[in-house]
Amino acid sequence: MTDLDQLKADLLAAIDAATGVDALEAVRVQALGKQGNVTGLLKTLGGMSPEERQETGPRIHGLREAVTEAIAARKAALEGAALEAKLASETLDMTLPVDGVPAGTVHPISQVMDELAEIFADMGFAVATGPEIEDDWHNFTALNIPETHPARAMHDTFYLAGEHERPMVLRTHTSPVQIRTMTSTPPPIRIIAPGRVYRSDSDATHTPMFHQIEGLVIDKGITLGHLKWTLETFLKAYFERDDIVLRLRPSYFPFTEPSAEVDVGFTWINGKRVIGGSGDAEGGGWMEVLGSGMVHRRVIEACGLDPDEWQGFAFGTGVDRLAMLKYGMDDLRAFFDGDLRWLKHYGFSALDVPTLSGGVGA
């Protein structure tokens, strides 16, 4: 056996005998380090004759490769054995409860917005949005509310200071979204317009900022019957009851003619008002939930459409009010107080996604 063969055998034996990563590293340094045995042999190649280098060079390089591969294989084996030993000595009890992770809740307003969008999407309505700072024309004039009309005073409007081409306001309703849709989208139109609106009012059932959702349908041959069916279908789905009874009372809105306030029947159960049934039944009553009507022909004309060809209906209600009725809240101001106790009690899990099949109030 030549010296190279003996050195290879000794190094491979030392590698195989290494009982830990540290011991293996010592063998690597002894063989392949700057002062290692194999490294020293590689340095001698420069002083050999071409004939000697051709004969001895491949053997020395083969020795280096064999030692390198043996070290890598032994290191993998040692690390694998160490991991197996660790896994065998350590246990994890999967039956122990996981520490609770603080999690927020979905605000009731956001939840109800999603419920309404789900319900109306099933009826073929799209969701439309618009700016919260509106000009006077979109917020009032195009809706058949001229400058001298008393309805402007009824809205308790926030007007913006400064010089503008038209007076600018914080929108008092989402009706301007209907105008923007009618002037930019050719009919037929079926939209809902949810969003924040602003009026100068504050008490247990009113806040300066609140949420509203309005609906608009523009098509040919639209009648009051279509409006009643839409509202009835919507309210049955929202309150998740088939015994919803509506009462339409004649009313006045500048932008609809004829107009109707819509009441829903309820009964008192254990001192609580429960939506459902006829309000004329014993122990029952009626509660106003929204306003509605057939779109005024002047509004249709203001949007560049022919009212003799196109008709439609519109309706609007407060999202906050709907949330209070369905989920038993009695003070609108609590919606905006940011009280974590209230939010934890009335909030919804992020996984409670409203669906018609699973229940919009899931």
Protein backbone atom coordinates (compact mmCIF):
# COMPACT_ATOMS: atom_id res chain seq x y z
CA MET A 1 0.00 0.00 0.00
CA THR A 2 1.42 3.38 -1.04
CA ASP A 3 1.61 6.36 1.30
CA LEU A 4 -1.43 7.99 -0.45
CA ASP A 5 -3.51 4.86 -0.01
CA GLN A 6 -2.49 4.63 3.66
CA LEU A 7 -3.31 8.32 4.25
CA LYS A 8 -6.72 7.88 2.60
CA ALA A 9 -7.50 4.85 4.75
CA ASP A 10 -6.44 6.67 7.94
CA LEU A 11 -8.50 9.77 7.15
CA LEU A 12 -11.63 7.82 6.21
CA ALA A 13 -11.28 5.78 9.42
CA ALA A 14 -10.97 8.97 11.49
CA ILE A 15 -14.03 10.43 9.76
CA ASP A 16 -16.08 7.32 10.40
CA ALA A 17 -14.96 7.28 14.05
CA ALA A 18 -15.99 10.90 14.70
CA THR A 19 -18.78 10.85 17.29
CA GLY A 20 -19.84 14.48 17.00
CA VAL A 21 -19.79 17.49 14.72
CA ASP A 22 -16.89 19.04 16.66
CA ALA A 23 -14.77 15.91 16.31
CA LEU A 24 -15.58 15.74 12.63
CA GLU A 25 -14.55 19.37 12.20
CA ALA A 26 -11.17 18.56 13.77
CA VAL A 27 -10.64 15.80 11.20
CA ARG A 28 -11.58 18.20 8.38
CA VAL A 29 -9.05 20.77 9.55
CA GLN A 30 -6.38 18.05 9.87
CA ALA A 31 -6.97 16.96 6.29
CA LEU A 32 -8.20 20.00 4.35
CA GLY A 33 -7.20 22.99 6.47
CA LYS A 34 -4.43 25.38 5.45
CA GLN A 35 -1.88 23.13 7.17
CA GLY A 36 -3.74 19.91 6.49
CA ASN A 37 -2.28 16.67 5.13
CA VAL A 38 -4.16 16.74 1.82
CA THR A 39 -3.58 20.47 1.37
CA GLY A 40 0.18 19.90 1.83
CA LEU A 41 0.16 17.25 -0.90
CA LEU A 42 -1.65 19.60 -3.27
CA LYS A 43 1.05 22.22 -2.72
CA THR A 44 3.74 19.75 -3.85
CA LEU A 45 2.24 19.50 -7.32
CA GLY A 46 3.88 22.76 -8.39
CA GLY A 47 7.42 21.37 -7.84
CA MET A 48 6.91 18.13 -9.76
CA SER A 49 7.96 17.41 -13.29
CA PRO A 50 5.18 17.16 -15.90
CA GLU A 51 5.49 13.39 -15.92
CA GLU A 52 5.23 13.11 -12.13
CA ARG A 53 2.34 15.61 -12.00
CA GLN A 54 0.46 13.65 -14.65
CA GLU A 55 0.85 10.45 -12.65
CA THR A 56 0.44 11.73 -9.07
CA GLY A 57 -1.95 14.71 -9.56
CA PRO A 58 -5.13 12.70 -10.23
CA ARG A 59 -4.48 10.53 -7.15
CA ILE A 60 -4.06 13.53 -4.86
CA HIS A 61 -7.20 15.22 -6.27
CA GLY A 62 -9.08 11.94 -5.90
CA LEU A 63 -7.98 11.78 -2.26
CA ARG A 64 -9.30 15.30 -1.62
CA GLU A 65 -12.67 14.51 -3.23
CA ALA A 66 -13.03 11.23 -1.31
CA VAL A 67 -12.26 12.96 2.02
CA THR A 68 -14.63 15.86 1.23
CA GLU A 69 -17.51 13.54 0.33
CA ALA A 70 -16.94 11.36 3.39
CA ILE A 71 -16.97 14.41 5.69
CA ALA A 72 -20.24 15.69 4.15
CA ALA A 73 -21.92 12.31 4.47
CA ARG A 74 -20.76 11.85 8.08
CA LYS A 75 -21.91 15.37 9.01
CA ALA A 76 -25.40 14.70 7.59
CA ALA A 77 -25.57 11.43 9.52
CA LEU A 78 -24.51 13.06 12.77
CA GLU A 79 -26.99 15.95 12.39
CA GLY A 80 -29.79 13.52 11.55
CA ALA A 81 -29.01 11.42 14.61
CA ALA A 82 -28.96 14.53 16.80
CA LEU A 83 -32.38 15.59 15.48
CA GLU A 84 -33.84 12.14 16.06
CA ALA A 85 -32.53 12.15 19.62
CA LYS A 86 -34.03 15.60 20.23
CA LEU A 87 -37.40 14.56 18.84
CA ALA A 88 -37.36 11.42 20.95
CA SER A 89 -36.58 13.34 24.15
CA GLU A 90 -38.94 16.29 23.59
CA THR A 91 -42.74 16.04 23.48
CA LEU A 92 -45.52 18.50 22.60
CA ASP A 93 -48.97 17.97 24.09
CA MET A 94 -51.31 18.84 21.20
CA THR A 95 -54.32 18.65 23.54
CA LEU A 96 -53.32 21.75 25.48
CA PRO A 97 -55.39 24.85 24.63
CA VAL A 98 -53.66 27.53 22.59
CA ASP A 99 -53.09 30.84 24.33
CA GLY A 100 -55.77 33.31 23.34
CA VAL A 101 -54.74 35.85 20.70
CA PRO A 102 -56.36 39.28 21.01
CA ALA A 103 -58.64 39.80 18.03
CA GLY A 104 -60.81 42.69 16.96
CA THR A 105 -64.38 42.48 15.76
CA VAL A 106 -66.26 43.66 12.70
CA HIS A 107 -68.32 46.75 13.55
CA PRO A 108 -72.10 46.20 13.31
CA ILE A 109 -72.33 48.92 10.64
CA SER A 110 -69.77 47.16 8.45
CA GLN A 111 -71.54 43.85 9.01
CA VAL A 112 -74.94 45.26 8.04
CA MET A 113 -73.43 46.97 4.98
CA ASP A 114 -72.16 43.55 3.85
CA GLU A 115 -75.55 41.97 4.57
CA LEU A 116 -77.35 44.58 2.46
CA ALA A 117 -74.88 44.24 -0.41
CA GLU A 118 -75.36 40.45 -0.37
CA ILE A 119 -79.16 40.74 -0.42
CA PHE A 120 -79.36 43.29 -3.21
CA ALA A 121 -76.67 41.58 -5.29
CA ASP A 122 -78.95 38.54 -5.35
CA MET A 123 -81.66 40.80 -6.84
CA GLY A 124 -79.36 42.11 -9.55
CA PHE A 125 -78.30 45.41 -7.96
CA ALA A 126 -74.78 46.79 -8.29
CA VAL A 127 -73.06 48.87 -5.60
CA ALA A 128 -72.34 52.50 -6.57
CA THR A 129 -70.33 55.07 -4.63
CA GLY A 130 -69.67 58.79 -4.86
CA PRO A 131 -67.89 61.67 -3.08
CA GLU A 132 -68.92 62.69 0.42
CA ILE A 133 -68.24 66.36 -0.39
CA GLU A 134 -70.84 67.26 -3.01
CA ASP A 135 -71.79 70.30 -5.02
CA ASP A 136 -75.16 71.95 -4.58
CA TRP A 137 -76.46 70.76 -7.95
CA HIS A 138 -75.97 67.03 -7.34
CA ASN A 139 -77.12 67.19 -3.71
CA PHE A 140 -80.20 69.39 -4.21
CA THR A 141 -81.02 70.97 -7.57
CA ALA A 142 -80.90 67.83 -9.73
CA LEU A 143 -83.14 66.16 -7.15
CA ASN A 144 -85.91 68.73 -7.71
CA ILE A 145 -84.91 70.74 -4.64
CA PRO A 146 -84.43 74.35 -5.87
CA GLU A 147 -82.70 77.04 -3.83
CA THR A 148 -85.94 78.33 -2.28
CA HIS A 149 -87.28 74.88 -1.44
CA PRO A 150 -87.95 74.33 2.30
CA ALA A 151 -86.52 70.80 2.07
CA ARG A 152 -83.04 72.33 2.09
CA ALA A 153 -83.66 73.70 5.54
CA MET A 154 -85.11 70.34 6.63
CA HIS A 155 -81.81 68.63 5.89
CA ASP A 156 -79.77 70.78 8.35
CA THR A 157 -76.95 70.91 5.85
CA PHE A 158 -73.25 71.45 6.55
CA TYR A 159 -72.08 74.00 3.96
CA LEU A 160 -68.37 74.34 3.19
CA ALA A 161 -66.75 77.77 3.40
CA GLY A 162 -64.66 79.19 0.56
CA GLU A 163 -65.06 80.21 -3.04
CA HIS A 164 -66.46 77.49 -5.28
CA GLU A 165 -68.08 77.42 -8.70
CA ARG A 166 -71.10 75.87 -6.98
CA PRO A 167 -71.87 75.80 -3.23
CA MET A 168 -70.24 72.72 -1.70
CA VAL A 169 -71.78 70.66 1.07
CA LEU A 170 -71.23 67.50 3.08
CA ARG A 171 -73.78 65.32 1.36
CA THR A 172 -77.02 65.03 3.29
CA HIS A 173 -78.01 61.74 1.63
CA THR A 174 -76.53 59.31 -0.89
CA SER A 175 -79.02 60.46 -3.54
CA PRO A 176 -76.26 62.36 -5.40
CA VAL A 177 -74.82 58.95 -6.26
CA GLN A 178 -78.09 58.21 -8.07
CA ILE A 179 -77.73 61.44 -10.07
CA ARG A 180 -74.11 60.69 -10.95
CA THR A 181 -75.08 57.19 -12.06
CA MET A 182 -77.99 58.36 -14.22
CA THR A 183 -75.84 61.01 -15.92
CA SER A 184 -72.94 58.62 -16.61
CA THR A 185 -74.57 55.23 -17.20
CA PRO A 186 -77.22 54.50 -19.81
CA PRO A 187 -80.32 52.72 -18.49
CA PRO A 188 -81.49 50.21 -17.45
CA ILE A 189 -80.02 50.92 -14.01
CA ARG A 190 -80.21 48.91 -10.80
CA ILE A 191 -77.94 50.19 -8.03
CA ILE A 192 -77.67 50.60 -4.30
CA ALA A 193 -75.69 53.53 -2.89
CA PRO A 194 -74.41 52.90 0.65
CA GLY A 195 -72.21 55.37 2.51
CA ARG A 196 -71.73 58.09 5.11
CA VAL A 197 -73.95 61.18 5.15
CA TYR A 198 -73.96 64.29 7.31
CA ARG A 199 -76.64 66.42 8.99
CA SER A 200 -76.52 68.86 11.88
CA ASP A 201 -78.39 66.78 14.43
CA SER A 202 -77.44 64.85 17.57
CA ASP A 203 -79.48 62.85 20.10
CA ALA A 204 -80.12 59.20 21.04
CA THR A 205 -81.41 58.41 17.54
CA HIS A 206 -79.51 61.00 15.46
CA THR A 207 -75.82 61.77 14.95
CA PRO A 208 -74.10 64.42 12.80
CA MET A 209 -72.62 61.62 10.71
CA PHE A 210 -74.52 58.43 9.99
CA HIS A 211 -74.83 55.76 7.33
CA GLN A 212 -77.46 55.48 4.66
CA ILE A 213 -78.27 53.13 1.83
CA GLU A 214 -80.41 54.11 -1.13
CA GLY A 215 -81.61 52.08 -4.06
CA LEU A 216 -82.48 53.12 -7.59
CA VAL A 217 -84.10 51.32 -10.52
CA ILE A 218 -84.52 53.00 -13.91
CA ASP A 219 -86.08 50.98 -16.70
CA LYS A 220 -89.10 50.85 -18.98
CA GLY A 221 -92.53 50.02 -17.56
CA ILE A 222 -91.51 50.31 -13.89
CA THR A 223 -94.47 50.58 -11.49
CA LEU A 224 -95.16 51.01 -7.79
CA GLY A 225 -95.74 47.24 -7.65
CA HIS A 226 -92.08 46.63 -8.52
CA LEU A 227 -91.08 48.92 -5.67
CA LYS A 228 -93.28 47.15 -3.11
CA TRP A 229 -92.03 43.71 -4.15
CA THR A 230 -88.39 44.84 -3.95
CA LEU A 231 -88.82 46.31 -0.48
CA GLU A 232 -90.73 43.31 0.80
CA THR A 233 -88.14 40.87 -0.56
CA PHE A 234 -85.30 42.94 0.88
CA LEU A 235 -86.78 43.26 4.37
CA LYS A 236 -87.70 39.57 4.57
CA ALA A 237 -84.14 38.61 3.68
CA TYR A 238 -82.60 41.17 6.04
CA PHE A 239 -84.68 40.32 9.11
CA GLU A 240 -84.63 36.63 8.08
CA ARG A 241 -88.39 36.26 8.60
CA ASP A 242 -91.15 35.36 6.14
CA ASP A 243 -93.89 37.08 8.13
CA ILE A 244 -92.75 40.64 7.38
CA VAL A 245 -95.79 42.84 6.71
CA LEU A 246 -95.38 46.27 5.12
CA ARG A 247 -97.59 49.33 5.29
CA LEU A 248 -97.04 52.09 2.74
CA ARG A 249 -98.24 55.54 3.81
CA PRO A 250 -98.51 58.46 1.35
CA SER A 251 -95.76 61.00 2.02
CA TYR A 252 -93.79 63.76 0.34
CA PHE A 253 -90.26 63.80 -1.04
CA PRO A 254 -89.19 66.35 -3.66
CA PHE A 255 -87.43 63.71 -5.77
CA THR A 256 -90.23 61.11 -5.93
CA GLU A 257 -93.89 61.27 -6.94
CA PRO A 258 -95.87 59.49 -5.64
CA SER A 259 -93.91 59.00 -2.40
CA ALA A 260 -94.47 56.60 0.47
CA GLU A 261 -93.15 56.03 3.95
CA VAL A 262 -92.72 52.33 4.58
CA ASP A 263 -93.69 50.88 7.95
CA VAL A 264 -93.00 47.35 9.13
CA GLY A 265 -95.14 45.46 11.60
CA PHE A 266 -93.80 44.33 14.96
CA THR A 267 -94.96 42.72 18.19
CA TRP A 268 -93.86 43.14 21.78
CA ILE A 269 -92.30 39.98 23.24
CA ASN A 270 -90.96 40.04 26.80
CA GLY A 271 -90.75 43.80 26.67
CA LYS A 272 -88.78 43.80 23.43
CA ARG A 273 -89.91 44.93 20.01
CA VAL A 274 -89.65 42.03 17.54
CA ILE A 275 -90.00 42.75 13.83
CA GLY A 276 -92.58 40.56 12.13
CA GLY A 277 -96.33 40.10 11.79
CA SER A 278 -99.02 42.70 11.21
CA GLY A 279 -98.84 45.88 13.21
CA ASP A 280 -102.63 45.80 13.51
CA ALA A 281 -102.56 42.52 15.43
CA GLU A 282 -103.12 42.52 19.19
CA GLY A 283 -99.96 43.64 20.97
CA GLY A 284 -98.45 44.83 17.73
CA GLY A 285 -97.55 48.12 16.16
CA TRP A 286 -96.01 49.77 13.14
CA MET A 287 -92.51 51.22 12.82
CA GLU A 288 -91.22 53.40 10.01
CA VAL A 289 -88.10 51.91 8.44
CA LEU A 290 -87.57 53.72 5.12
CA GLY A 291 -88.83 56.22 2.57
CA SER A 292 -89.52 55.46 -1.06
CA GLY A 293 -91.35 56.47 -4.20
CA MET A 294 -91.39 56.65 -7.98
CA VAL A 295 -88.58 58.82 -9.32
CA HIS A 296 -89.93 62.30 -10.14
CA ARG A 297 -90.02 63.03 -13.87
CA ARG A 298 -88.10 66.26 -13.24
CA VAL A 299 -85.22 64.25 -11.76
CA ILE A 300 -85.22 61.97 -14.80
CA GLU A 301 -85.21 65.02 -17.09
CA ALA A 302 -82.38 66.68 -15.12
CA CYS A 303 -80.25 63.59 -15.83
CA GLY A 304 -80.84 63.85 -19.57
CA LEU A 305 -83.39 61.04 -19.88
CA ASP A 306 -86.88 61.09 -21.34
CA PRO A 307 -89.42 60.48 -18.51
CA ASP A 308 -92.00 59.30 -21.04
CA GLU A 309 -89.64 56.46 -22.00
CA TRP A 310 -87.89 55.73 -18.70
CA GLN A 311 -89.45 55.31 -15.27
CA GLY A 312 -88.07 54.17 -11.99
CA PHE A 313 -88.31 53.94 -8.23
CA ALA A 314 -85.99 54.89 -5.39
CA PHE A 315 -85.81 54.17 -1.69
CA GLY A 316 -83.55 55.02 1.21
CA THR A 317 -83.01 54.04 4.81
CA GLY A 318 -80.48 54.46 7.60
CA VAL A 319 -78.04 51.58 7.95
CA ASP A 320 -77.54 52.45 11.62
CA ARG A 321 -81.30 52.25 12.21
CA LEU A 322 -81.51 48.86 10.52
CA ALA A 323 -78.65 47.59 12.70
CA MET A 324 -80.41 48.86 15.85
CA LEU A 325 -83.67 47.14 14.89
CA LYS A 326 -82.11 43.80 14.05
CA TYR A 327 -79.47 43.51 16.76
CA GLY A 328 -81.23 45.19 19.71
CA MET A 329 -79.23 48.39 20.21
CA ASP A 330 -81.03 51.33 21.78
CA ASP A 331 -78.65 54.29 21.46
CA LEU A 332 -77.22 55.37 18.12
CA ARG A 333 -74.42 57.36 19.76
CA ALA A 334 -72.81 54.14 21.05
CA PHE A 335 -72.00 53.24 17.43
CA PHE A 336 -69.38 55.99 17.35
CA ASP A 337 -68.09 56.09 20.94
CA GLY A 338 -65.33 53.54 20.32
CA ASP A 339 -66.07 51.71 23.60
CA LEU A 340 -64.18 48.40 23.40
CA ARG A 341 -66.70 46.70 25.71
CA TRP A 342 -69.57 47.66 23.40
CA LEU A 343 -67.62 46.64 20.30
CA LYS A 344 -66.73 43.29 21.84
CA HIS A 345 -70.35 42.64 22.77
CA TYR A 346 -72.00 43.71 19.52
CA GLY A 347 -69.12 43.11 17.09
CA PHE A 348 -68.93 40.22 14.65
CA SER A 349 -66.17 37.75 13.95
CA ALA A 350 -64.26 38.36 10.72
CA LEU A 351 -65.38 34.86 9.69
CA ASP A 352 -69.08 35.77 9.98
CA VAL A 353 -69.39 36.58 6.28
CA PRO A 354 -73.05 37.20 5.34
CA THR A 355 -74.47 34.77 2.79
CA LEU A 356 -78.03 34.13 1.73
CA SER A 357 -77.56 30.37 2.02
CA GLY A 358 -75.93 30.50 5.46
CA GLY A 359 -77.93 33.43 6.82
CA VAL A 360 -77.09 37.08 6.35
CA GLY A 361 -76.98 37.55 10.11
CA ALA A 362 -74.66 34.61 10.69
